[in-house]
Amino acid sequence: MGKNKLAKFAEMESFPNVFQMTSREILPGKSFEYKGKWSKSVFKNNNPIVLELGCGKGEYSVGLAELFPDKNFIGVDIKGARMWTGAKDSLKKNLKNVAFLRTNIEMINHFFATDEVSEIWLTFPDPQMKKASKRLTSTNFMKRYQQIVKDGGLIHLKTDSQFMFTYTHEMIKANHYTVGMITDDLYASVSDDPILNIKTFYEQQWLDRGISIKYIRFVLEKKSSFKEPDVEIEKDSYRSFGRNQRNNQSKQNIK
């Protein structure tokens, strides 16, 4: 691990808005002290809690916190060196309604109690084209989400992947969730909603390469059974390339 990453990890240990607990610490039975107590003990208010899963550099969590001071936001990711950026930025901006949790998303139920969360944002998750159970919009994760999200809470997906967009739409239909909004070209469809116009660094790169951004918002009604979509979905060819090859292909598509 590089010195820069080590320095960021060390600095994050002192950040009051960062909480870290890996799966290795959870599995032996160690409990997370703020489970069920985020509002009272961390944010010191009863405002709705919104999660961003796979927050990366935390740009979306910080942007949402600035837009909605009456909501509390928690960015979740396992990659601490990236998370450092958002955590540092929010401290500089003195944002009291945003925090960061460094852990595996698969362990999310160990950190939040029943109905403790109001909304979840999934911003550009890995589409996991080879294994459905690992997709953050799979029924495997819907089971986890409904344990911590209030009935009628919202799930937002923002993605550059046509595969992920199509799969999620099929999952929604198979399980009869209610769609609030769906578009396969967000910025051609919506221009006046500030919540959707927050752009991450990588998102802007995809837009510059001519890749459209897809968005789905749906209501998470609690269910006793789930059904995985039984359809064949075309895989995203560009994702099988290396970075340089993707860049070259995107440039050709733009011409």
C-alpha atoms as a PDB file:
ATOM      1  CA  MET A   1       0.000   0.000   0.000  1.00  0.00           C
ATOM      2  CA  GLY A   2       1.352   3.437  -0.976  1.00  0.00           C
ATOM      3  CA  LYS A   3       2.404   6.041   1.576  1.00  0.00           C
ATOM      4  CA  ASN A   4      -0.365   8.394   0.433  1.00  0.00           C
ATOM      5  CA  LYS A   5      -3.058   5.802   1.158  1.00  0.00           C
ATOM      6  CA  LEU A   6      -1.542   4.975   4.525  1.00  0.00           C
ATOM      7  CA  ALA A   7      -1.478   8.671   5.406  1.00  0.00           C
ATOM      8  CA  LYS A   8      -5.147   9.040   4.468  1.00  0.00           C
ATOM      9  CA  PHE A   9      -6.135   5.989   6.517  1.00  0.00           C
ATOM     10  CA  ALA A  10      -4.238   7.372   9.499  1.00  0.00           C
ATOM     11  CA  GLU A  11      -5.850  10.802   9.147  1.00  0.00           C
ATOM     12  CA  MET A  12      -9.339   9.317   8.847  1.00  0.00           C
ATOM     13  CA  GLU A  13      -8.910   7.692  12.248  1.00  0.00           C
ATOM     14  CA  SER A  14      -9.110  11.198  13.697  1.00  0.00           C
ATOM     15  CA  PHE A  15     -12.088  12.375  11.624  1.00  0.00           C
ATOM     16  CA  PRO A  16     -15.202  12.781  13.817  1.00  0.00           C
ATOM     17  CA  ASN A  17     -17.472  12.106  10.816  1.00  0.00           C
ATOM     18  CA  VAL A  18     -15.924   8.739   9.848  1.00  0.00           C
ATOM     19  CA  PHE A  19     -16.807   5.359  11.355  1.00  0.00           C
ATOM     20  CA  GLN A  20     -14.844   2.238  10.432  1.00  0.00           C
ATOM     21  CA  MET A  21     -15.636  -1.392  11.064  1.00  0.00           C
ATOM     22  CA  THR A  22     -14.721  -4.168   8.646  1.00  0.00           C
ATOM     23  CA  SER A  23     -16.309  -7.598   8.251  1.00  0.00           C
ATOM     24  CA  ARG A  24     -13.384  -9.140  10.157  1.00  0.00           C
ATOM     25  CA  GLU A  25     -14.379  -7.121  13.213  1.00  0.00           C
ATOM     26  CA  ILE A  26     -18.105  -7.851  12.863  1.00  0.00           C
ATOM     27  CA  LEU A  27     -18.008 -11.608  12.314  1.00  0.00           C
ATOM     28  CA  PRO A  28     -16.541 -12.481  15.740  1.00  0.00           C
ATOM     29  CA  GLY A  29     -19.685 -10.937  17.239  1.00  0.00           C
ATOM     30  CA  LYS A  30     -18.556  -7.404  17.982  1.00  0.00           C
ATOM     31  CA  SER A  31     -21.548  -5.057  17.747  1.00  0.00           C
ATOM     32  CA  PHE A  32     -21.587  -1.566  16.226  1.00  0.00           C
ATOM     33  CA  GLU A  33     -22.306   0.951  18.965  1.00  0.00           C
ATOM     34  CA  TYR A  34     -24.440   3.327  16.865  1.00  0.00           C
ATOM     35  CA  LYS A  35     -26.814   0.774  15.357  1.00  0.00           C
ATOM     36  CA  GLY A  36     -30.278   2.183  16.014  1.00  0.00           C
ATOM     37  CA  LYS A  37     -28.696   5.317  17.496  1.00  0.00           C
ATOM     38  CA  TRP A  38     -27.475   7.280  14.466  1.00  0.00           C
ATOM     39  CA  SER A  39     -30.050  10.039  14.919  1.00  0.00           C
ATOM     40  CA  LYS A  40     -29.618  10.445  18.670  1.00  0.00           C
ATOM     41  CA  SER A  41     -25.887   9.838  19.105  1.00  0.00           C
ATOM     42  CA  VAL A  42     -24.300  10.888  15.791  1.00  0.00           C
ATOM     43  CA  PHE A  43     -26.488  13.558  14.186  1.00  0.00           C
ATOM     44  CA  LYS A  44     -28.219  14.763  17.378  1.00  0.00           C
ATOM     45  CA  ASN A  45     -31.589  15.161  15.621  1.00  0.00           C
ATOM     46  CA  ASN A  46     -34.502  13.099  14.286  1.00  0.00           C
ATOM     47  CA  ASN A  47     -34.143  14.012  10.613  1.00  0.00           C
ATOM     48  CA  PRO A  48     -34.489  11.264   7.957  1.00  0.00           C
ATOM     49  CA  ILE A  49     -31.369   9.189   7.275  1.00  0.00           C
ATOM     50  CA  VAL A  50     -30.285   8.649   3.662  1.00  0.00           C
ATOM     51  CA  LEU A  51     -27.538   6.201   2.651  1.00  0.00           C
ATOM     52  CA  GLU A  52     -25.258   6.336  -0.376  1.00  0.00           C
ATOM     53  CA  LEU A  53     -23.923   2.822  -0.907  1.00  0.00           C
ATOM     54  CA  GLY A  54     -20.644   2.605  -2.786  1.00  0.00           C
ATOM     55  CA  CYS A  55     -20.024   6.298  -2.232  1.00  0.00           C
ATOM     56  CA  GLY A  56     -16.471   6.355  -3.622  1.00  0.00           C
ATOM     57  CA  LYS A  57     -15.065   9.830  -3.039  1.00  0.00           C
ATOM     58  CA  GLY A  58     -18.274  10.891  -1.320  1.00  0.00           C
ATOM     59  CA  GLU A  59     -19.116  13.643  -3.791  1.00  0.00           C
ATOM     60  CA  TYR A  60     -22.779  12.694  -3.944  1.00  0.00           C
ATOM     61  CA  SER A  61     -23.155  12.406  -0.173  1.00  0.00           C
ATOM     62  CA  VAL A  62     -21.594  15.841   0.310  1.00  0.00           C
ATOM     63  CA  GLY A  63     -23.657  17.358  -2.515  1.00  0.00           C
ATOM     64  CA  LEU A  64     -26.896  15.973  -1.101  1.00  0.00           C
ATOM     65  CA  ALA A  65     -26.018  17.162   2.396  1.00  0.00           C
ATOM     66  CA  GLU A  66     -25.536  20.685   1.061  1.00  0.00           C
ATOM     67  CA  LEU A  67     -28.871  20.602  -0.771  1.00  0.00           C
ATOM     68  CA  PHE A  68     -30.868  19.114   2.090  1.00  0.00           C
ATOM     69  CA  PRO A  69     -29.802  20.384   5.526  1.00  0.00           C
ATOM     70  CA  ASP A  70     -32.983  18.818   6.970  1.00  0.00           C
ATOM     71  CA  LYS A  71     -31.799  15.292   6.133  1.00  0.00           C
ATOM     72  CA  ASN A  72     -28.840  13.240   7.373  1.00  0.00           C
ATOM     73  CA  PHE A  73     -26.589  11.466   4.861  1.00  0.00           C
ATOM     74  CA  ILE A  74     -24.193   8.566   5.322  1.00  0.00           C
ATOM     75  CA  GLY A  75     -21.770   7.524   2.584  1.00  0.00           C
ATOM     76  CA  VAL A  76     -20.811   3.844   2.761  1.00  0.00           C
ATOM     77  CA  ASP A  77     -17.823   2.238   1.048  1.00  0.00           C
ATOM     78  CA  ILE A  78     -14.980  -0.140   1.844  1.00  0.00           C
ATOM     79  CA  LYS A  79     -12.338   1.919   0.016  1.00  0.00           C
ATOM     80  CA  GLY A  80     -11.116   4.357   2.623  1.00  0.00           C
ATOM     81  CA  ALA A  81      -8.578   6.232   0.499  1.00  0.00           C
ATOM     82  CA  ARG A  82     -11.384   7.427  -1.771  1.00  0.00           C
ATOM     83  CA  MET A  83     -13.764   8.142   1.094  1.00  0.00           C
ATOM     84  CA  TRP A  84     -11.136  10.419   2.642  1.00  0.00           C
ATOM     85  CA  THR A  85     -11.900  13.023  -0.051  1.00  0.00           C
ATOM     86  CA  GLY A  86     -15.566  13.430   0.886  1.00  0.00           C
ATOM     87  CA  ALA A  87     -14.927  13.188   4.611  1.00  0.00           C
ATOM     88  CA  LYS A  88     -12.255  15.890   4.428  1.00  0.00           C
ATOM     89  CA  ASP A  89     -14.413  18.104   2.209  1.00  0.00           C
ATOM     90  CA  SER A  90     -17.435  17.886   4.502  1.00  0.00           C
ATOM     91  CA  LEU A  91     -15.310  18.855   7.504  1.00  0.00           C
ATOM     92  CA  LYS A  92     -13.946  21.869   5.642  1.00  0.00           C
ATOM     93  CA  LYS A  93     -17.512  22.884   4.775  1.00  0.00           C
ATOM     94  CA  ASN A  94     -18.606  22.295   8.375  1.00  0.00           C
ATOM     95  CA  LEU A  95     -21.438  20.006   7.271  1.00  0.00           C
ATOM     96  CA  LYS A  96     -23.006  18.446  10.351  1.00  0.00           C
ATOM     97  CA  ASN A  97     -25.528  16.320   8.435  1.00  0.00           C
ATOM     98  CA  VAL A  98     -23.143  13.982   6.626  1.00  0.00           C
ATOM     99  CA  ALA A  99     -21.049  11.081   7.907  1.00  0.00           C
ATOM    100  CA  PHE A 100     -19.101   8.222   6.361  1.00  0.00           C
ATOM    101  CA  LEU A 101     -19.050   4.530   7.194  1.00  0.00           C
ATOM    102  CA  ARG A 102     -16.161   2.394   5.981  1.00  0.00           C
ATOM    103  CA  THR A 103     -17.321  -1.194   5.760  1.00  0.00           C
ATOM    104  CA  ASN A 104     -18.492  -3.891   3.355  1.00  0.00           C
ATOM    105  CA  ILE A 105     -21.940  -3.124   1.926  1.00  0.00           C
ATOM    106  CA  GLU A 106     -22.871  -6.789   2.379  1.00  0.00           C
ATOM    107  CA  MET A 107     -22.702  -6.150   6.137  1.00  0.00           C
ATOM    108  CA  ILE A 108     -25.030  -3.118   6.078  1.00  0.00           C
ATOM    109  CA  ASN A 109     -27.618  -4.745   8.374  1.00  0.00           C
ATOM    110  CA  HIS A 110     -25.061  -4.840  11.181  1.00  0.00           C
ATOM    111  CA  PHE A 111     -24.970  -1.037  11.245  1.00  0.00           C
ATOM    112  CA  PHE A 112     -28.608   0.042  10.987  1.00  0.00           C
ATOM    113  CA  ALA A 113     -31.701  -1.018  12.902  1.00  0.00           C
ATOM    114  CA  THR A 114     -35.161  -1.821  11.542  1.00  0.00           C
ATOM    115  CA  ASP A 115     -36.732   1.209   9.801  1.00  0.00           C
ATOM    116  CA  GLU A 116     -33.757   3.438  10.679  1.00  0.00           C
ATOM    117  CA  VAL A 117     -33.192   4.499   7.043  1.00  0.00           C
ATOM    118  CA  SER A 118     -35.531   6.508   4.777  1.00  0.00           C
ATOM    119  CA  GLU A 119     -33.754   6.339   1.397  1.00  0.00           C
ATOM    120  CA  ILE A 120     -30.849   4.639  -0.361  1.00  0.00           C
ATOM    121  CA  TRP A 121     -28.797   6.010  -3.251  1.00  0.00           C
ATOM    122  CA  LEU A 122     -26.831   3.605  -5.455  1.00  0.00           C
ATOM    123  CA  THR A 123     -24.461   5.746  -7.489  1.00  0.00           C
ATOM    124  CA  PHE A 124     -22.680   3.942 -10.330  1.00  0.00           C
ATOM    125  CA  PRO A 125     -22.365   0.516  -8.702  1.00  0.00           C
ATOM    126  CA  ASP A 126     -20.444  -2.288 -10.386  1.00  0.00           C
ATOM    127  CA  PRO A 127     -23.062  -4.105 -12.542  1.00  0.00           C
ATOM    128  CA  GLN A 128     -21.588  -7.481 -11.547  1.00  0.00           C
ATOM    129  CA  MET A 129     -22.624  -8.993 -14.872  1.00  0.00           C
ATOM    130  CA  LYS A 130     -21.417 -12.486 -13.959  1.00  0.00           C
ATOM    131  CA  LYS A 131     -23.129 -12.859 -10.581  1.00  0.00           C
ATOM    132  CA  ALA A 132     -26.628 -11.493  -9.929  1.00  0.00           C
ATOM    133  CA  SER A 133     -26.466 -11.908  -6.149  1.00  0.00           C
ATOM    134  CA  LYS A 134     -23.666  -9.332  -5.952  1.00  0.00           C
ATOM    135  CA  ARG A 135     -25.596  -6.613  -7.798  1.00  0.00           C
ATOM    136  CA  LEU A 136     -26.708  -3.872  -5.437  1.00  0.00           C
ATOM    137  CA  THR A 137     -30.191  -3.941  -6.993  1.00  0.00           C
ATOM    138  CA  SER A 138     -30.593  -7.718  -6.833  1.00  0.00           C
ATOM    139  CA  THR A 139     -33.295  -9.335  -4.723  1.00  0.00           C
ATOM    140  CA  ASN A 140     -30.455 -10.516  -2.496  1.00  0.00           C
ATOM    141  CA  PHE A 141     -29.848  -6.886  -1.534  1.00  0.00           C
ATOM    142  CA  MET A 142     -33.538  -5.922  -1.550  1.00  0.00           C
ATOM    143  CA  LYS A 143     -33.955  -8.395   1.321  1.00  0.00           C
ATOM    144  CA  ARG A 144     -31.213  -6.579   3.215  1.00  0.00           C
ATOM    145  CA  TYR A 145     -32.519  -3.111   2.408  1.00  0.00           C
ATOM    146  CA  GLN A 146     -36.083  -3.775   3.521  1.00  0.00           C
ATOM    147  CA  GLN A 147     -34.791  -4.753   6.948  1.00  0.00           C
ATOM    148  CA  ILE A 148     -33.373  -1.267   7.535  1.00  0.00           C
ATOM    149  CA  VAL A 149     -35.459   0.989   5.230  1.00  0.00           C
ATOM    150  CA  LYS A 150     -38.899   2.176   6.274  1.00  0.00           C
ATOM    151  CA  ASP A 151     -41.810   0.709   4.326  1.00  0.00           C
ATOM    152  CA  GLY A 152     -42.376   3.012   1.368  1.00  0.00           C
ATOM    153  CA  GLY A 153     -38.794   4.293   1.436  1.00  0.00           C
ATOM    154  CA  LEU A 154     -37.052   5.206  -1.809  1.00  0.00           C
ATOM    155  CA  ILE A 155     -34.269   3.499  -3.745  1.00  0.00           C
ATOM    156  CA  HIS A 156     -32.369   5.594  -6.301  1.00  0.00           C
ATOM    157  CA  LEU A 157     -30.098   4.084  -8.955  1.00  0.00           C
ATOM    158  CA  LYS A 158     -27.818   6.219 -11.095  1.00  0.00           C
ATOM    159  CA  THR A 159     -25.688   4.279 -13.583  1.00  0.00           C
ATOM    160  CA  ASP A 160     -23.766   4.456 -16.833  1.00  0.00           C
ATOM    161  CA  SER A 161     -24.373   0.735 -17.430  1.00  0.00           C
ATOM    162  CA  GLN A 162     -27.193  -0.253 -19.773  1.00  0.00           C
ATOM    163  CA  PHE A 163     -26.940  -3.764 -18.344  1.00  0.00           C
ATOM    164  CA  MET A 164     -27.446  -2.551 -14.765  1.00  0.00           C
ATOM    165  CA  PHE A 165     -30.272  -0.242 -15.825  1.00  0.00           C
ATOM    166  CA  THR A 166     -32.118  -3.002 -17.705  1.00  0.00           C
ATOM    167  CA  TYR A 167     -31.569  -5.590 -14.974  1.00  0.00           C
ATOM    168  CA  THR A 168     -32.876  -3.236 -12.292  1.00  0.00           C
ATOM    169  CA  HIS A 169     -35.957  -2.381 -14.336  1.00  0.00           C
ATOM    170  CA  GLU A 170     -36.669  -6.094 -14.842  1.00  0.00           C
ATOM    171  CA  MET A 171     -36.174  -6.768 -11.118  1.00  0.00           C
ATOM    172  CA  ILE A 172     -38.639  -3.973 -10.299  1.00  0.00           C
ATOM    173  CA  LYS A 173     -41.243  -5.402 -12.681  1.00  0.00           C
ATOM    174  CA  ALA A 174     -40.769  -8.977 -11.453  1.00  0.00           C
ATOM    175  CA  ASN A 175     -41.388  -7.886  -7.858  1.00  0.00           C
ATOM    176  CA  HIS A 176     -44.089  -5.296  -8.573  1.00  0.00           C
ATOM    177  CA  TYR A 177     -42.297  -2.333  -7.038  1.00  0.00           C
ATOM    178  CA  THR A 178     -43.695   1.116  -7.810  1.00  0.00           C
ATOM    179  CA  VAL A 179     -41.533   3.226 -10.134  1.00  0.00           C
ATOM    180  CA  GLY A 180     -41.320   6.925  -9.355  1.00  0.00           C
ATOM    181  CA  MET A 181     -39.086   7.895 -12.263  1.00  0.00           C
ATOM    182  CA  ILE A 182     -37.155   6.085 -14.983  1.00  0.00           C
ATOM    183  CA  THR A 183     -35.014   7.402 -17.840  1.00  0.00           C
ATOM    184  CA  ASP A 184     -32.221   5.973 -19.987  1.00  0.00           C
ATOM    185  CA  ASP A 185     -30.781   9.447 -20.674  1.00  0.00           C
ATOM    186  CA  LEU A 186     -31.051  11.530 -17.527  1.00  0.00           C
ATOM    187  CA  TYR A 187     -29.607  14.801 -18.736  1.00  0.00           C
ATOM    188  CA  ALA A 188     -31.669  14.773 -21.904  1.00  0.00           C
ATOM    189  CA  SER A 189     -34.804  14.210 -19.802  1.00  0.00           C
ATOM    190  CA  VAL A 190     -34.286  16.354 -16.716  1.00  0.00           C
ATOM    191  CA  SER A 191     -32.558  19.706 -16.367  1.00  0.00           C
ATOM    192  CA  ASP A 192     -34.183  21.501 -13.437  1.00  0.00           C
ATOM    193  CA  ASP A 193     -33.877  19.008 -10.567  1.00  0.00           C
ATOM    194  CA  PRO A 194     -30.753  19.879  -8.525  1.00  0.00           C
ATOM    195  CA  ILE A 195     -30.717  16.494  -6.794  1.00  0.00           C
ATOM    196  CA  LEU A 196     -30.152  14.743 -10.124  1.00  0.00           C
ATOM    197  CA  ASN A 197     -27.666  17.246 -11.460  1.00  0.00           C
ATOM    198  CA  ILE A 198     -24.981  16.479  -8.897  1.00  0.00           C
ATOM    199  CA  LYS A 199     -22.159  14.997 -10.972  1.00  0.00           C
ATOM    200  CA  THR A 200     -19.260  12.975  -9.640  1.00  0.00           C
ATOM    201  CA  PHE A 201     -15.774  13.182 -11.141  1.00  0.00           C
ATOM    202  CA  TYR A 202     -16.112   9.829 -12.896  1.00  0.00           C
ATOM    203  CA  GLU A 203     -19.652  10.559 -14.038  1.00  0.00           C
ATOM    204  CA  GLN A 204     -18.434  13.654 -15.864  1.00  0.00           C
ATOM    205  CA  GLN A 205     -15.763  11.545 -17.548  1.00  0.00           C
ATOM    206  CA  TRP A 206     -18.411   9.141 -18.850  1.00  0.00           C
ATOM    207  CA  LEU A 207     -20.524  12.027 -20.101  1.00  0.00           C
ATOM    208  CA  ASP A 208     -17.489  13.474 -21.876  1.00  0.00           C
ATOM    209  CA  ARG A 209     -17.062  10.098 -23.611  1.00  0.00           C
ATOM    210  CA  GLY A 210     -20.626  10.195 -24.886  1.00  0.00           C
ATOM    211  CA  ILE A 211     -22.047   7.636 -22.457  1.00  0.00           C
ATOM    212  CA  SER A 212     -25.573   8.485 -21.294  1.00  0.00           C
ATOM    213  CA  ILE A 213     -26.511   8.343 -17.611  1.00  0.00           C
ATOM    214  CA  LYS A 214     -29.499   6.213 -16.614  1.00  0.00           C
ATOM    215  CA  TYR A 215     -31.672   6.758 -13.541  1.00  0.00           C
ATOM    216  CA  ILE A 216     -34.403   4.824 -11.742  1.00  0.00           C
ATOM    217  CA  ARG A 217     -36.262   5.737  -8.564  1.00  0.00           C
ATOM    218  CA  PHE A 218     -38.642   3.216  -7.019  1.00  0.00           C
ATOM    219  CA  VAL A 219     -40.535   2.592  -3.795  1.00  0.00           C
ATOM    220  CA  LEU A 220     -39.311  -0.191  -1.532  1.00  0.00           C
ATOM    221  CA  GLU A 221     -42.475  -1.869  -0.292  1.00  0.00           C
ATOM    222  CA  LYS A 222     -41.733  -4.637   2.189  1.00  0.00           C
ATOM    223  CA  LYS A 223     -42.287  -8.148   0.849  1.00  0.00           C
ATOM    224  CA  SER A 224     -42.223 -11.701   2.150  1.00  0.00           C
ATOM    225  CA  SER A 225     -40.967 -13.243  -1.095  1.00  0.00           C
ATOM    226  CA  PHE A 226     -38.818 -12.131  -4.014  1.00  0.00           C
ATOM    227  CA  LYS A 227     -38.359 -13.119  -7.635  1.00  0.00           C
ATOM    228  CA  GLU A 228     -35.208 -12.700  -9.682  1.00  0.00           C
ATOM    229  CA  PRO A 229     -35.923 -11.576 -13.276  1.00  0.00           C
ATOM    230  CA  ASP A 230     -35.819 -14.474 -15.734  1.00  0.00           C
ATOM    231  CA  VAL A 231     -34.610 -12.631 -18.823  1.00  0.00           C
ATOM    232  CA  GLU A 232     -31.448 -12.591 -20.895  1.00  0.00           C
ATOM    233  CA  ILE A 233     -29.796  -9.165 -20.754  1.00  0.00           C
ATOM    234  CA  GLU A 234     -27.147  -8.019 -23.195  1.00  0.00           C
ATOM    235  CA  LYS A 235     -23.867  -7.321 -21.435  1.00  0.00           C
ATOM    236  CA  ASP A 236     -22.033  -4.009 -21.639  1.00  0.00           C
ATOM    237  CA  SER A 237     -19.245  -4.686 -24.149  1.00  0.00           C
ATOM    238  CA  TYR A 238     -17.156  -1.650 -23.238  1.00  0.00           C
ATOM    239  CA  ARG A 239     -16.788  -2.841 -19.659  1.00  0.00           C
ATOM    240  CA  SER A 240     -14.791  -5.849 -20.780  1.00  0.00           C
ATOM    241  CA  PHE A 241     -12.093  -3.568 -22.194  1.00  0.00           C
ATOM    242  CA  GLY A 242      -9.179  -1.958 -20.428  1.00  0.00           C
ATOM    243  CA  ARG A 243      -9.316   1.743 -19.648  1.00  0.00           C
ATOM    244  CA  ASN A 244      -7.376   2.830 -22.741  1.00  0.00           C
ATOM    245  CA  GLN A 245      -9.509   0.657 -25.022  1.00  0.00           C
ATOM    246  CA  ARG A 246     -12.699   2.086 -23.530  1.00  0.00           C
ATOM    247  CA  ASN A 247     -11.385   5.585 -24.079  1.00  0.00           C
ATOM    248  CA  ASN A 248     -10.602   4.838 -27.716  1.00  0.00           C
ATOM    249  CA  GLN A 249     -13.980   3.200 -28.331  1.00  0.00           C
ATOM    250  CA  SER A 250     -15.821   6.098 -26.709  1.00  0.00           C
ATOM    251  CA  LYS A 251     -13.961   8.604 -28.858  1.00  0.00           C
ATOM    252  CA  GLN A 252     -14.935   6.637 -31.954  1.00  0.00           C
ATOM    253  CA  ASN A 253     -18.582   6.573 -30.848  1.00  0.00           C
ATOM    254  CA  ILE A 254     -18.587  10.338 -30.352  1.00  0.00           C
ATOM    255  CA  LYS A 255     -17.289  11.018 -33.878  1.00  0.00           C
END
